[in-house]
Amino acid sequence: MPRRIAVGILTAVALAASGCESLKHTGEKVLYDANPVGSADVVVLGVSRHGPYLLVSLAGSLVDMRFLAPATEACLQVLTPEAHVSYGKSGVFGRFRRDGAICDPVGIASLAAWRDRQPRRVGRPVPRAPAYYTLLQQDPELIFLRGRFPLASRVNIPAGYDIVAVLPNSGACVGLAERTDASLEFRVAGPEPFVLLNDEQLCPVLGFAMPVATPVAAPVAP
């Protein structure tokens, strides 16, 4: 067999195999998205603590997102860097399991991916509503605002009348955090589903989370 023909056959076989794997993954993703109680294996890429919250980055063949979890003993046990964790659909934000321990996240920080999991609603492409809030906490990376963000329901996040919005601690976001009100926009497409803004400032919302109690430090033994 001429070498050129042999190379062509091998290339075709490789492309066919690649196509089969792609189709298989697509099928698995469709089945997972359609299953209301589906689960997937993920790896914890990183965890950072922000007051009473943990910001957790996870990756897997079916789930690749950032979640917000309470900084409880159970979640600190489950969500350790490089840990292999089972993520299952449960409640609003799902549930993590590892070695018999359970952690329930309370928010999502991958809003574009979260939005795109839901059926796209027909209506105004950029609805806007007033948001009222107070500064909950601020650290070198993130700003947490607690208040009324009613458009959060557009991505099936409930309790928009009392919820925490997470912003980057930079640029116009700092100025907006010093206020007590602004407008919130929701965008059905694009990398920034939610934007907080006024006439002069604009800030992307990184995530939404349910309010949680600040953990009380354990007493130090004398």
N, C-alpha and C. Protein backbone atom coordinates (compact mmCIF):
# COMPACT_ATOMS: atom_id res chain seq x y z
N MET A 1 0.86 -1.20 0.00
CA MET A 1 0.00 0.00 0.00
C MET A 1 0.89 1.24 0.00
N PRO A 2 0.64 2.17 -0.94
CA PRO A 2 1.46 3.38 -0.95
C PRO A 2 1.38 4.11 0.39
N ARG A 3 2.49 4.76 0.76
CA ARG A 3 2.57 5.42 2.06
C ARG A 3 1.52 6.51 2.18
N ARG A 4 1.27 7.26 1.10
CA ARG A 4 0.31 8.36 1.14
C ARG A 4 -1.10 7.86 1.46
N ILE A 5 -1.48 6.71 0.89
CA ILE A 5 -2.81 6.14 1.15
C ILE A 5 -2.91 5.66 2.59
N ALA A 6 -1.82 5.03 3.08
CA ALA A 6 -1.83 4.53 4.46
C ALA A 6 -1.99 5.66 5.46
N VAL A 7 -1.27 6.77 5.20
CA VAL A 7 -1.39 7.93 6.09
C VAL A 7 -2.81 8.48 6.06
N GLY A 8 -3.41 8.48 4.87
CA GLY A 8 -4.79 8.97 4.75
C GLY A 8 -5.76 8.12 5.51
N ILE A 9 -5.59 6.80 5.45
CA ILE A 9 -6.49 5.89 6.18
C ILE A 9 -6.35 6.08 7.68
N LEU A 10 -5.09 6.20 8.17
CA LEU A 10 -4.87 6.40 9.60
C LEU A 10 -5.45 7.71 10.08
N THR A 11 -5.32 8.73 9.26
CA THR A 11 -5.89 10.03 9.62
C THR A 11 -7.40 9.95 9.71
N ALA A 12 -8.02 9.28 8.75
CA ALA A 12 -9.48 9.14 8.76
C ALA A 12 -9.96 8.38 9.98
N VAL A 13 -9.22 7.32 10.33
CA VAL A 13 -9.59 6.53 11.52
C VAL A 13 -9.49 7.39 12.77
N ALA A 14 -8.42 8.19 12.86
CA ALA A 14 -8.24 9.06 14.04
C ALA A 14 -9.35 10.09 14.13
N LEU A 15 -9.72 10.68 13.00
CA LEU A 15 -10.80 11.68 13.00
C LEU A 15 -12.12 11.05 13.38
N ALA A 16 -12.36 9.83 12.87
CA ALA A 16 -13.61 9.14 13.21
C ALA A 16 -13.68 8.85 14.70
N ALA A 17 -12.54 8.40 15.26
CA ALA A 17 -12.51 8.11 16.70
C ALA A 17 -12.74 9.38 17.50
N SER A 18 -12.09 10.46 17.06
CA SER A 18 -12.28 11.74 17.74
C SER A 18 -13.72 12.19 17.67
N GLY A 19 -14.34 12.01 16.50
CA GLY A 19 -15.73 12.39 16.35
C GLY A 19 -16.64 11.57 17.23
N CYS A 20 -16.36 10.29 17.36
CA CYS A 20 -17.17 9.43 18.22
C CYS A 20 -17.07 9.87 19.67
N GLU A 21 -15.85 10.21 20.12
CA GLU A 21 -15.68 10.67 21.49
C GLU A 21 -16.44 11.97 21.72
N SER A 22 -16.38 12.86 20.72
CA SER A 22 -17.09 14.13 20.84
C SER A 22 -18.59 13.92 20.92
N LEU A 23 -19.10 13.02 20.07
CA LEU A 23 -20.53 12.72 20.09
C LEU A 23 -20.93 12.07 21.40
N LYS A 24 -20.07 11.18 21.91
CA LYS A 24 -20.36 10.51 23.17
C LYS A 24 -20.45 11.52 24.31
N HIS A 25 -19.48 12.46 24.35
CA HIS A 25 -19.48 13.47 25.40
C HIS A 25 -20.71 14.36 25.29
N THR A 26 -21.07 14.74 24.06
CA THR A 26 -22.26 15.56 23.86
C THR A 26 -23.50 14.85 24.36
N GLY A 27 -23.59 13.56 24.05
CA GLY A 27 -24.74 12.77 24.51
C GLY A 27 -24.80 12.69 26.02
N GLU A 28 -23.64 12.48 26.65
CA GLU A 28 -23.60 12.42 28.11
C GLU A 28 -24.02 13.75 28.72
N LYS A 29 -23.57 14.85 28.11
CA LYS A 29 -23.91 16.18 28.61
C LYS A 29 -25.42 16.44 28.49
N VAL A 30 -26.00 16.04 27.38
CA VAL A 30 -27.44 16.23 27.18
C VAL A 30 -28.22 15.43 28.21
N LEU A 31 -27.81 14.18 28.44
CA LEU A 31 -28.50 13.33 29.42
C LEU A 31 -28.35 13.91 30.82
N TYR A 32 -27.15 14.42 31.14
CA TYR A 32 -26.93 15.00 32.47
C TYR A 32 -27.80 16.24 32.67
N ASP A 33 -27.83 17.12 31.67
CA ASP A 33 -28.62 18.34 31.79
C ASP A 33 -30.11 18.04 31.91
N ALA A 34 -30.56 16.97 31.27
CA ALA A 34 -31.99 16.64 31.28
C ALA A 34 -32.41 15.90 32.54
N ASN A 35 -31.45 15.31 33.24
CA ASN A 35 -31.76 14.51 34.43
C ASN A 35 -31.83 15.41 35.66
N PRO A 36 -32.99 15.55 36.29
CA PRO A 36 -33.11 16.47 37.44
C PRO A 36 -32.35 16.00 38.67
N VAL A 37 -31.93 14.74 38.70
CA VAL A 37 -31.17 14.24 39.85
C VAL A 37 -29.83 13.69 39.39
N GLY A 38 -29.29 14.21 38.29
CA GLY A 38 -28.02 13.73 37.76
C GLY A 38 -26.86 14.07 38.68
N SER A 39 -25.77 13.33 38.52
CA SER A 39 -24.56 13.58 39.29
C SER A 39 -23.35 13.46 38.37
N ALA A 40 -22.25 14.07 38.80
CA ALA A 40 -21.04 14.06 37.99
C ALA A 40 -19.82 14.11 38.90
N ASP A 41 -18.73 13.54 38.42
CA ASP A 41 -17.48 13.58 39.16
C ASP A 41 -16.70 14.84 38.77
N VAL A 42 -16.19 15.54 39.78
CA VAL A 42 -15.43 16.77 39.53
C VAL A 42 -14.17 16.76 40.40
N VAL A 43 -13.23 17.60 40.01
CA VAL A 43 -12.00 17.79 40.79
C VAL A 43 -11.98 19.23 41.30
N VAL A 44 -11.62 19.40 42.56
CA VAL A 44 -11.52 20.73 43.15
C VAL A 44 -10.20 21.35 42.70
N LEU A 45 -10.29 22.40 41.89
CA LEU A 45 -9.09 23.06 41.38
C LEU A 45 -8.51 24.06 42.37
N GLY A 46 -9.38 24.69 43.14
CA GLY A 46 -8.90 25.69 44.09
C GLY A 46 -10.00 26.14 45.02
N VAL A 47 -9.61 26.59 46.20
CA VAL A 47 -10.54 27.08 47.22
C VAL A 47 -9.95 28.33 47.85
N SER A 48 -10.75 29.39 47.95
CA SER A 48 -10.31 30.58 48.67
C SER A 48 -11.42 31.00 49.62
N ARG A 49 -11.03 31.51 50.77
CA ARG A 49 -12.01 31.87 51.80
C ARG A 49 -12.25 33.38 51.79
N HIS A 50 -13.52 33.74 51.87
CA HIS A 50 -13.93 35.14 51.89
C HIS A 50 -14.99 35.31 52.97
N GLY A 51 -14.55 35.64 54.18
CA GLY A 51 -15.48 35.74 55.29
C GLY A 51 -16.18 34.41 55.52
N PRO A 52 -17.51 34.39 55.54
CA PRO A 52 -18.24 33.15 55.79
C PRO A 52 -18.41 32.28 54.54
N TYR A 53 -17.78 32.68 53.43
CA TYR A 53 -17.94 31.96 52.17
C TYR A 53 -16.63 31.32 51.70
N LEU A 54 -16.77 30.20 50.99
CA LEU A 54 -15.68 29.58 50.25
C LEU A 54 -15.98 29.76 48.76
N LEU A 55 -15.02 30.26 48.01
CA LEU A 55 -15.14 30.32 46.56
C LEU A 55 -14.39 29.12 46.02
N VAL A 56 -15.11 28.22 45.34
CA VAL A 56 -14.57 26.92 44.95
C VAL A 56 -14.61 26.78 43.44
N SER A 57 -13.47 26.46 42.84
CA SER A 57 -13.38 26.20 41.40
C SER A 57 -13.32 24.69 41.18
N LEU A 58 -14.20 24.19 40.31
CA LEU A 58 -14.28 22.76 40.04
C LEU A 58 -14.26 22.50 38.54
N ALA A 59 -13.74 21.34 38.16
CA ALA A 59 -13.71 20.98 36.75
C ALA A 59 -14.00 19.49 36.60
N GLY A 60 -14.72 19.16 35.55
CA GLY A 60 -15.04 17.78 35.22
C GLY A 60 -15.56 17.71 33.80
N SER A 61 -15.82 16.52 33.32
CA SER A 61 -16.28 16.39 31.94
C SER A 61 -17.68 16.96 31.75
N LEU A 62 -18.47 17.03 32.82
CA LEU A 62 -19.85 17.51 32.71
C LEU A 62 -20.09 18.80 33.48
N VAL A 63 -19.26 19.11 34.44
CA VAL A 63 -19.43 20.32 35.27
C VAL A 63 -18.10 21.05 35.34
N ASP A 64 -18.09 22.32 34.97
CA ASP A 64 -16.89 23.15 35.03
C ASP A 64 -17.32 24.55 35.48
N MET A 65 -17.38 24.76 36.80
CA MET A 65 -17.95 26.00 37.33
C MET A 65 -17.26 26.40 38.62
N ARG A 66 -17.63 27.61 39.07
CA ARG A 66 -17.22 28.09 40.39
C ARG A 66 -18.47 28.25 41.26
N PHE A 67 -18.40 27.72 42.46
CA PHE A 67 -19.51 27.78 43.40
C PHE A 67 -19.11 28.56 44.64
N LEU A 68 -20.11 29.00 45.38
CA LEU A 68 -19.91 29.60 46.70
C LEU A 68 -20.52 28.66 47.73
N ALA A 69 -19.73 28.30 48.72
CA ALA A 69 -20.19 27.39 49.76
C ALA A 69 -19.95 28.03 51.12
N PRO A 70 -20.72 27.63 52.13
CA PRO A 70 -20.47 28.18 53.47
C PRO A 70 -19.17 27.62 54.04
N ALA A 71 -18.48 28.44 54.79
CA ALA A 71 -17.20 28.01 55.36
C ALA A 71 -17.43 27.21 56.64
N THR A 72 -18.18 26.12 56.49
CA THR A 72 -18.46 25.24 57.62
C THR A 72 -17.41 24.13 57.68
N GLU A 73 -17.39 23.44 58.80
CA GLU A 73 -16.43 22.34 58.95
C GLU A 73 -16.66 21.27 57.89
N ALA A 74 -17.93 20.96 57.59
CA ALA A 74 -18.23 19.93 56.60
C ALA A 74 -17.73 20.33 55.22
N CYS A 75 -17.98 21.59 54.81
CA CYS A 75 -17.56 22.03 53.48
C CYS A 75 -16.04 22.14 53.38
N LEU A 76 -15.38 22.55 54.47
CA LEU A 76 -13.92 22.59 54.47
C LEU A 76 -13.34 21.19 54.35
N GLN A 77 -14.05 20.20 54.87
CA GLN A 77 -13.60 18.81 54.77
C GLN A 77 -13.78 18.26 53.37
N VAL A 78 -14.91 18.59 52.74
CA VAL A 78 -15.22 18.05 51.41
C VAL A 78 -14.42 18.75 50.32
N LEU A 79 -14.35 20.07 50.39
CA LEU A 79 -13.81 20.87 49.29
C LEU A 79 -12.35 21.25 49.55
N THR A 80 -11.49 20.27 49.48
CA THR A 80 -10.06 20.52 49.62
C THR A 80 -9.41 20.48 48.24
N PRO A 81 -8.39 21.30 48.00
CA PRO A 81 -7.76 21.33 46.69
C PRO A 81 -7.31 19.95 46.22
N GLU A 82 -7.58 19.66 44.94
CA GLU A 82 -7.24 18.43 44.24
C GLU A 82 -8.10 17.24 44.66
N ALA A 83 -9.09 17.47 45.51
CA ALA A 83 -9.97 16.37 45.91
C ALA A 83 -10.93 15.99 44.78
N HIS A 84 -11.23 14.71 44.68
CA HIS A 84 -12.23 14.21 43.73
C HIS A 84 -13.57 14.15 44.46
N VAL A 85 -14.54 14.87 43.94
CA VAL A 85 -15.81 15.08 44.61
C VAL A 85 -16.94 14.71 43.68
N SER A 86 -18.03 14.21 44.25
CA SER A 86 -19.25 13.97 43.48
C SER A 86 -20.17 15.17 43.63
N TYR A 87 -20.59 15.72 42.49
CA TYR A 87 -21.53 16.84 42.49
C TYR A 87 -22.87 16.33 41.98
N GLY A 88 -23.90 16.46 42.80
CA GLY A 88 -25.23 16.00 42.42
C GLY A 88 -26.22 17.14 42.41
N LYS A 89 -27.21 17.05 41.54
CA LYS A 89 -28.27 18.05 41.50
C LYS A 89 -29.18 17.86 42.71
N SER A 90 -29.36 18.94 43.44
CA SER A 90 -30.18 18.90 44.65
C SER A 90 -30.48 20.33 45.05
N GLY A 91 -31.73 20.63 45.34
CA GLY A 91 -32.08 21.98 45.73
C GLY A 91 -31.78 22.97 44.63
N VAL A 92 -31.28 24.15 45.01
CA VAL A 92 -30.99 25.20 44.03
C VAL A 92 -29.61 25.05 43.42
N PHE A 93 -28.60 24.86 44.24
CA PHE A 93 -27.22 24.89 43.76
C PHE A 93 -26.53 23.54 43.76
N GLY A 94 -27.22 22.48 44.14
CA GLY A 94 -26.61 21.16 44.10
C GLY A 94 -26.05 20.72 45.44
N ARG A 95 -25.28 19.62 45.40
CA ARG A 95 -24.72 19.06 46.63
C ARG A 95 -23.39 18.37 46.30
N PHE A 96 -22.40 18.55 47.18
CA PHE A 96 -21.10 17.89 47.05
C PHE A 96 -20.99 16.78 48.09
N ARG A 97 -20.39 15.67 47.65
CA ARG A 97 -20.16 14.53 48.55
C ARG A 97 -18.74 14.03 48.38
N ARG A 98 -18.14 13.66 49.51
CA ARG A 98 -16.82 13.01 49.48
C ARG A 98 -16.60 12.25 50.76
N ASP A 99 -16.31 10.98 50.63
CA ASP A 99 -16.01 10.12 51.78
C ASP A 99 -17.11 10.18 52.84
N GLY A 100 -18.35 10.22 52.41
CA GLY A 100 -19.48 10.22 53.34
C GLY A 100 -19.85 11.59 53.87
N ALA A 101 -19.02 12.59 53.63
CA ALA A 101 -19.33 13.95 54.09
C ALA A 101 -20.09 14.70 53.00
N ILE A 102 -20.93 15.65 53.41
CA ILE A 102 -21.79 16.39 52.50
C ILE A 102 -21.59 17.89 52.68
N CYS A 103 -21.56 18.60 51.57
CA CYS A 103 -21.50 20.07 51.59
C CYS A 103 -22.50 20.60 50.59
N ASP A 104 -23.39 21.47 51.03
CA ASP A 104 -24.38 22.09 50.15
C ASP A 104 -23.95 23.51 49.80
N PRO A 105 -23.60 23.79 48.55
CA PRO A 105 -23.24 25.15 48.17
C PRO A 105 -24.43 26.09 48.31
N VAL A 106 -24.14 27.37 48.46
CA VAL A 106 -25.21 28.35 48.66
C VAL A 106 -25.22 29.41 47.56
N GLY A 107 -24.35 29.25 46.57
CA GLY A 107 -24.31 30.24 45.51
C GLY A 107 -23.52 29.77 44.32
N ILE A 108 -23.58 30.57 43.25
CA ILE A 108 -22.88 30.25 42.02
C ILE A 108 -22.07 31.47 41.59
N ALA A 109 -20.84 31.25 41.16
CA ALA A 109 -19.98 32.33 40.69
C ALA A 109 -19.57 32.12 39.24
N SER A 110 -20.30 31.29 38.52
CA SER A 110 -20.14 31.11 37.08
C SER A 110 -21.51 31.38 36.46
N LEU A 111 -21.90 32.65 36.46
CA LEU A 111 -23.28 32.99 36.10
C LEU A 111 -23.59 32.74 34.63
N ALA A 112 -22.62 32.90 33.74
CA ALA A 112 -22.88 32.64 32.32
C ALA A 112 -23.17 31.16 32.09
N ALA A 113 -22.36 30.29 32.69
CA ALA A 113 -22.58 28.85 32.55
C ALA A 113 -23.89 28.44 33.22
N TRP A 114 -24.20 29.05 34.35
CA TRP A 114 -25.44 28.74 35.06
C TRP A 114 -26.65 29.18 34.24
N ARG A 115 -26.57 30.38 33.65
CA ARG A 115 -27.65 30.88 32.80
C ARG A 115 -27.86 29.96 31.59
N ASP A 116 -26.77 29.53 30.98
CA ASP A 116 -26.88 28.77 29.74
C ASP A 116 -27.38 27.35 29.96
N ARG A 117 -27.44 26.91 31.22
CA ARG A 117 -28.05 25.60 31.51
C ARG A 117 -29.56 25.66 31.47
N GLN A 118 -30.11 26.86 31.57
CA GLN A 118 -31.56 27.01 31.62
C GLN A 118 -32.10 27.30 30.22
N PRO A 119 -33.36 26.94 29.95
CA PRO A 119 -33.98 27.33 28.67
C PRO A 119 -34.02 28.84 28.55
N ARG A 120 -33.70 29.35 27.38
CA ARG A 120 -33.67 30.80 27.17
C ARG A 120 -35.08 31.36 27.12
N ARG A 121 -35.34 32.37 27.94
CA ARG A 121 -36.67 32.96 28.01
C ARG A 121 -36.89 33.96 26.88
N VAL A 122 -38.13 34.02 26.44
CA VAL A 122 -38.51 34.99 25.42
C VAL A 122 -38.94 36.28 26.12
N GLY A 123 -38.49 37.40 25.63
CA GLY A 123 -38.85 38.68 26.25
C GLY A 123 -37.81 39.72 25.92
N ARG A 124 -37.78 40.78 26.70
CA ARG A 124 -36.80 41.84 26.48
C ARG A 124 -35.39 41.28 26.61
N PRO A 125 -34.49 41.58 25.66
CA PRO A 125 -33.14 41.00 25.72
C PRO A 125 -32.30 41.55 26.86
N VAL A 126 -32.58 42.78 27.31
CA VAL A 126 -31.81 43.36 28.42
C VAL A 126 -32.76 44.01 29.42
N PRO A 127 -33.46 43.19 30.20
CA PRO A 127 -34.34 43.78 31.22
C PRO A 127 -33.51 44.46 32.32
N ARG A 128 -34.11 45.49 32.92
CA ARG A 128 -33.41 46.24 33.98
C ARG A 128 -34.37 46.45 35.15
N ALA A 129 -33.82 46.36 36.37
CA ALA A 129 -34.63 46.57 37.57
C ALA A 129 -33.77 47.24 38.63
N PRO A 130 -34.39 47.99 39.54
CA PRO A 130 -33.61 48.63 40.61
C PRO A 130 -33.09 47.61 41.61
N ALA A 131 -31.89 47.84 42.11
CA ALA A 131 -31.28 47.00 43.14
C ALA A 131 -30.98 47.89 44.35
N TYR A 132 -31.27 47.39 45.54
CA TYR A 132 -31.02 48.11 46.79
C TYR A 132 -30.18 47.22 47.68
N TYR A 133 -29.12 47.76 48.29
CA TYR A 133 -28.18 46.89 48.98
C TYR A 133 -27.35 47.67 50.00
N THR A 134 -26.66 46.91 50.82
CA THR A 134 -25.66 47.46 51.74
C THR A 134 -24.39 46.62 51.61
N LEU A 135 -23.27 47.21 51.96
CA LEU A 135 -21.99 46.50 51.89
C LEU A 135 -21.93 45.47 53.01
N LEU A 136 -21.79 44.21 52.64
CA LEU A 136 -21.69 43.14 53.62
C LEU A 136 -20.25 42.92 54.05
N GLN A 137 -19.35 42.81 53.08
CA GLN A 137 -17.94 42.64 53.38
C GLN A 137 -17.13 42.95 52.13
N GLN A 138 -15.84 43.21 52.35
CA GLN A 138 -14.94 43.55 51.24
C GLN A 138 -13.55 43.07 51.59
N ASP A 139 -12.89 42.40 50.63
CA ASP A 139 -11.52 41.98 50.83
C ASP A 139 -10.72 42.39 49.59
N PRO A 140 -9.43 42.09 49.51
CA PRO A 140 -8.65 42.55 48.36
C PRO A 140 -9.15 42.06 47.01
N GLU A 141 -9.92 40.97 46.97
CA GLU A 141 -10.37 40.41 45.70
C GLU A 141 -11.83 40.68 45.40
N LEU A 142 -12.68 40.57 46.41
CA LEU A 142 -14.12 40.57 46.16
C LEU A 142 -14.87 41.53 47.06
N ILE A 143 -16.03 41.96 46.56
CA ILE A 143 -16.97 42.77 47.32
C ILE A 143 -18.28 42.00 47.42
N PHE A 144 -18.87 41.97 48.62
CA PHE A 144 -20.13 41.26 48.83
C PHE A 144 -21.19 42.29 49.25
N LEU A 145 -22.25 42.37 48.47
CA LEU A 145 -23.36 43.28 48.75
C LEU A 145 -24.59 42.45 49.09
N ARG A 146 -25.26 42.83 50.16
CA ARG A 146 -26.50 42.12 50.53
C ARG A 146 -27.70 43.05 50.33
N GLY A 147 -28.71 42.52 49.66
CA GLY A 147 -29.89 43.35 49.45
C GLY A 147 -30.86 42.74 48.46
N ARG A 148 -31.52 43.61 47.73
CA ARG A 148 -32.59 43.21 46.81
C ARG A 148 -32.07 43.24 45.37
N PHE A 149 -32.00 42.07 44.75
CA PHE A 149 -31.55 41.92 43.36
C PHE A 149 -32.57 41.04 42.64
N PRO A 150 -33.74 41.59 42.31
CA PRO A 150 -34.86 40.76 41.85
C PRO A 150 -34.61 40.00 40.55
N LEU A 151 -33.73 40.49 39.68
CA LEU A 151 -33.53 39.81 38.40
C LEU A 151 -32.75 38.50 38.54
N ALA A 152 -32.25 38.19 39.73
CA ALA A 152 -31.57 36.91 39.93
C ALA A 152 -32.48 35.73 39.59
N SER A 153 -33.77 35.94 39.69
CA SER A 153 -34.72 34.86 39.38
C SER A 153 -34.68 34.49 37.91
N ARG A 154 -34.10 35.34 37.05
CA ARG A 154 -34.01 35.02 35.62
C ARG A 154 -33.16 33.78 35.37
N VAL A 155 -32.30 33.42 36.32
CA VAL A 155 -31.49 32.20 36.17
C VAL A 155 -31.84 31.21 37.28
N ASN A 156 -33.09 31.27 37.73
CA ASN A 156 -33.62 30.33 38.72
C ASN A 156 -32.90 30.39 40.06
N ILE A 157 -32.45 31.58 40.44
CA ILE A 157 -31.91 31.78 41.79
C ILE A 157 -32.99 32.49 42.58
N PRO A 158 -33.53 31.86 43.63
CA PRO A 158 -34.66 32.44 44.36
C PRO A 158 -34.22 33.50 45.37
N ALA A 159 -35.21 34.06 46.06
CA ALA A 159 -34.98 34.99 47.17
C ALA A 159 -34.20 36.22 46.75
N GLY A 160 -34.52 36.75 45.55
CA GLY A 160 -33.84 37.95 45.09
C GLY A 160 -34.12 39.17 45.93
N TYR A 161 -35.11 39.08 46.83
CA TYR A 161 -35.41 40.19 47.73
C TYR A 161 -34.42 40.26 48.88
N ASP A 162 -33.65 39.20 49.13
CA ASP A 162 -32.61 39.21 50.16
C ASP A 162 -31.53 38.22 49.75
N ILE A 163 -30.56 38.71 49.00
CA ILE A 163 -29.52 37.84 48.44
C ILE A 163 -28.21 38.60 48.43
N VAL A 164 -27.12 37.89 48.26
CA VAL A 164 -25.79 38.50 48.25
C VAL A 164 -25.25 38.49 46.83
N ALA A 165 -24.87 39.67 46.34
CA ALA A 165 -24.22 39.79 45.04
C ALA A 165 -22.72 39.92 45.26
N VAL A 166 -21.94 39.22 44.43
CA VAL A 166 -20.48 39.23 44.55
C VAL A 166 -19.90 39.98 43.36
N LEU A 167 -19.07 40.99 43.67
CA LEU A 167 -18.46 41.83 42.64
C LEU A 167 -16.94 41.77 42.75
N PRO A 168 -16.23 42.04 41.66
CA PRO A 168 -14.77 42.18 41.78
C PRO A 168 -14.42 43.47 42.52
N ASN A 169 -13.38 43.43 43.31
CA ASN A 169 -12.96 44.63 44.05
C ASN A 169 -12.02 45.45 43.17
N SER A 170 -12.62 46.12 42.19
CA SER A 170 -11.81 46.92 41.27
C SER A 170 -12.69 47.91 40.53
N GLY A 171 -12.06 48.96 40.01
CA GLY A 171 -12.71 49.91 39.12
C GLY A 171 -14.01 50.47 39.64
N ALA A 172 -15.00 50.50 38.74
CA ALA A 172 -16.29 51.09 39.06
C ALA A 172 -17.03 50.32 40.14
N CYS A 173 -16.68 49.06 40.34
CA CYS A 173 -17.37 48.25 41.34
C CYS A 173 -17.20 48.84 42.74
N VAL A 174 -16.04 49.42 42.99
CA VAL A 174 -15.79 50.01 44.31
C VAL A 174 -16.74 51.19 44.53
N GLY A 175 -16.89 52.05 43.52
CA GLY A 175 -17.79 53.19 43.64
C GLY A 175 -19.24 52.77 43.81
N LEU A 176 -19.67 51.75 43.07
CA LEU A 176 -21.05 51.27 43.20
C LEU A 176 -21.29 50.65 44.56
N ALA A 177 -20.28 50.00 45.12
CA ALA A 177 -20.44 49.38 46.44
C ALA A 177 -20.61 50.42 47.54
N GLU A 178 -20.14 51.64 47.31
CA GLU A 178 -20.28 52.71 48.29
C GLU A 178 -21.69 53.31 48.29
N ARG A 179 -22.49 52.96 47.29
CA ARG A 179 -23.86 53.44 47.20
C ARG A 179 -24.80 52.47 47.93
N THR A 180 -26.06 52.79 47.92
CA THR A 180 -27.07 51.88 48.46
C THR A 180 -28.08 51.45 47.40
N ASP A 181 -27.93 51.97 46.18
CA ASP A 181 -28.84 51.55 45.11
C ASP A 181 -28.17 51.75 43.75
N ALA A 182 -28.64 50.97 42.78
CA ALA A 182 -28.17 51.06 41.40
C ALA A 182 -29.18 50.30 40.56
N SER A 183 -28.89 50.18 39.28
CA SER A 183 -29.74 49.37 38.40
C SER A 183 -29.03 48.04 38.13
N LEU A 184 -29.82 46.99 37.98
CA LEU A 184 -29.30 45.68 37.64
C LEU A 184 -29.84 45.27 36.28
N GLU A 185 -28.94 44.91 35.36
CA GLU A 185 -29.34 44.44 34.03
C GLU A 185 -29.09 42.96 33.92
N PHE A 186 -29.97 42.28 33.18
CA PHE A 186 -29.76 40.87 32.86
C PHE A 186 -29.65 40.73 31.35
N ARG A 187 -28.64 39.97 30.92
CA ARG A 187 -28.39 39.78 29.50
C ARG A 187 -28.50 38.30 29.15
N VAL A 188 -29.32 37.99 28.14
CA VAL A 188 -29.62 36.60 27.80
C VAL A 188 -28.47 35.93 27.07
N ALA A 189 -27.48 36.70 26.63
CA ALA A 189 -26.32 36.14 25.94
C ALA A 189 -25.10 36.96 26.30
N GLY A 190 -23.93 36.38 26.07
CA GLY A 190 -22.69 37.08 26.35
C GLY A 190 -22.04 36.62 27.64
N PRO A 191 -20.82 37.06 27.90
CA PRO A 191 -20.06 36.56 29.06
C PRO A 191 -20.47 37.15 30.40
N GLU A 192 -21.26 38.24 30.41
CA GLU A 192 -21.65 38.88 31.66
C GLU A 192 -23.17 38.95 31.76
N PRO A 193 -23.81 37.93 32.33
CA PRO A 193 -25.27 37.92 32.41
C PRO A 193 -25.85 39.05 33.23
N PHE A 194 -25.16 39.45 34.30
CA PHE A 194 -25.68 40.49 35.18
C PHE A 194 -24.67 41.63 35.30
N VAL A 195 -25.18 42.85 35.20
CA VAL A 195 -24.33 44.04 35.32
C VAL A 195 -25.03 45.02 36.25
N LEU A 196 -24.28 45.54 37.22
CA LEU A 196 -24.77 46.57 38.12
C LEU A 196 -24.27 47.91 37.58
N LEU A 197 -25.15 48.91 37.49
CA LEU A 197 -24.74 50.15 36.85
C LEU A 197 -25.58 51.34 37.30
N ASN A 198 -25.01 52.53 37.05
CA ASN A 198 -25.76 53.78 37.13
C ASN A 198 -25.39 54.59 35.89
N ASP A 199 -25.62 55.88 35.91
CA ASP A 199 -25.36 56.69 34.71
C ASP A 199 -23.89 56.76 34.34
N GLU A 200 -22.99 56.54 35.32
CA GLU A 200 -21.57 56.74 35.07
C GLU A 200 -20.73 55.49 35.30
N GLN A 201 -21.23 54.53 36.02
CA GLN A 201 -20.43 53.37 36.40
C GLN A 201 -21.10 52.07 35.98
N LEU A 202 -20.27 51.07 35.70
CA LEU A 202 -20.77 49.76 35.28
C LEU A 202 -19.87 48.69 35.87
N CYS A 203 -20.48 47.67 36.46
CA CYS A 203 -19.71 46.61 37.13
C CYS A 203 -20.35 45.25 36.87
N PRO A 204 -19.58 44.27 36.40
CA PRO A 204 -20.14 42.92 36.21
C PRO A 204 -20.35 42.23 37.55
N VAL A 205 -21.46 41.54 37.68
CA VAL A 205 -21.72 40.73 38.88
C VAL A 205 -21.11 39.35 38.65
N LEU A 206 -20.24 38.94 39.55
CA LEU A 206 -19.56 37.65 39.40
C LEU A 206 -20.41 36.48 39.88
N GLY A 207 -21.26 36.73 40.89
CA GLY A 207 -22.03 35.63 41.43
C GLY A 207 -23.13 36.11 42.35
N PHE A 208 -24.00 35.16 42.71
CA PHE A 208 -25.05 35.38 43.69
C PHE A 208 -24.99 34.25 44.72
N ALA A 209 -25.28 34.60 45.96
CA ALA A 209 -25.28 33.58 47.02
C ALA A 209 -26.35 33.91 48.04
N MET A 210 -26.81 32.89 48.73
CA MET A 210 -27.73 33.09 49.83
C MET A 210 -26.96 33.61 51.04
N PRO A 211 -27.56 34.46 51.86
CA PRO A 211 -26.88 34.92 53.07
C PRO A 211 -26.58 33.76 54.02
N VAL A 212 -25.43 33.80 54.64
CA VAL A 212 -25.06 32.79 55.64
C VAL A 212 -24.52 33.51 56.87
N ALA A 213 -24.58 32.82 57.99
CA ALA A 213 -24.08 33.39 59.24
C ALA A 213 -22.56 33.34 59.25
N THR A 214 -21.95 34.35 59.84
CA THR A 214 -20.50 34.36 59.97
C THR A 214 -20.08 33.33 61.01
N PRO A 215 -19.18 32.40 60.64
CA PRO A 215 -18.75 31.39 61.61
C PRO A 215 -18.14 32.03 62.87
N VAL A 216 -18.46 31.47 64.00
CA VAL A 216 -17.91 31.95 65.26
C VAL A 216 -16.62 31.20 65.56
N ALA A 217 -15.55 31.95 65.82
CA ALA A 217 -14.26 31.32 66.07
C ALA A 217 -14.30 30.50 67.36
N ALA A 218 -13.66 29.35 67.33
CA ALA A 218 -13.62 28.50 68.50
C ALA A 218 -12.77 29.15 69.59
N PRO A 219 -13.16 29.01 70.86
CA PRO A 219 -12.36 29.62 71.93
C PRO A 219 -10.97 29.02 72.02
N VAL A 220 -10.00 29.85 72.35
CA VAL A 220 -8.61 29.39 72.47
C VAL A 220 -8.38 28.91 73.90
N ALA A 221 -7.84 27.72 74.00
CA ALA A 221 -7.58 27.15 75.31
C ALA A 221 -6.50 27.97 76.04
N PRO A 222 -6.68 28.18 77.31
CA PRO A 222 -5.66 28.95 78.07
C PRO A 222 -4.35 28.19 78.17
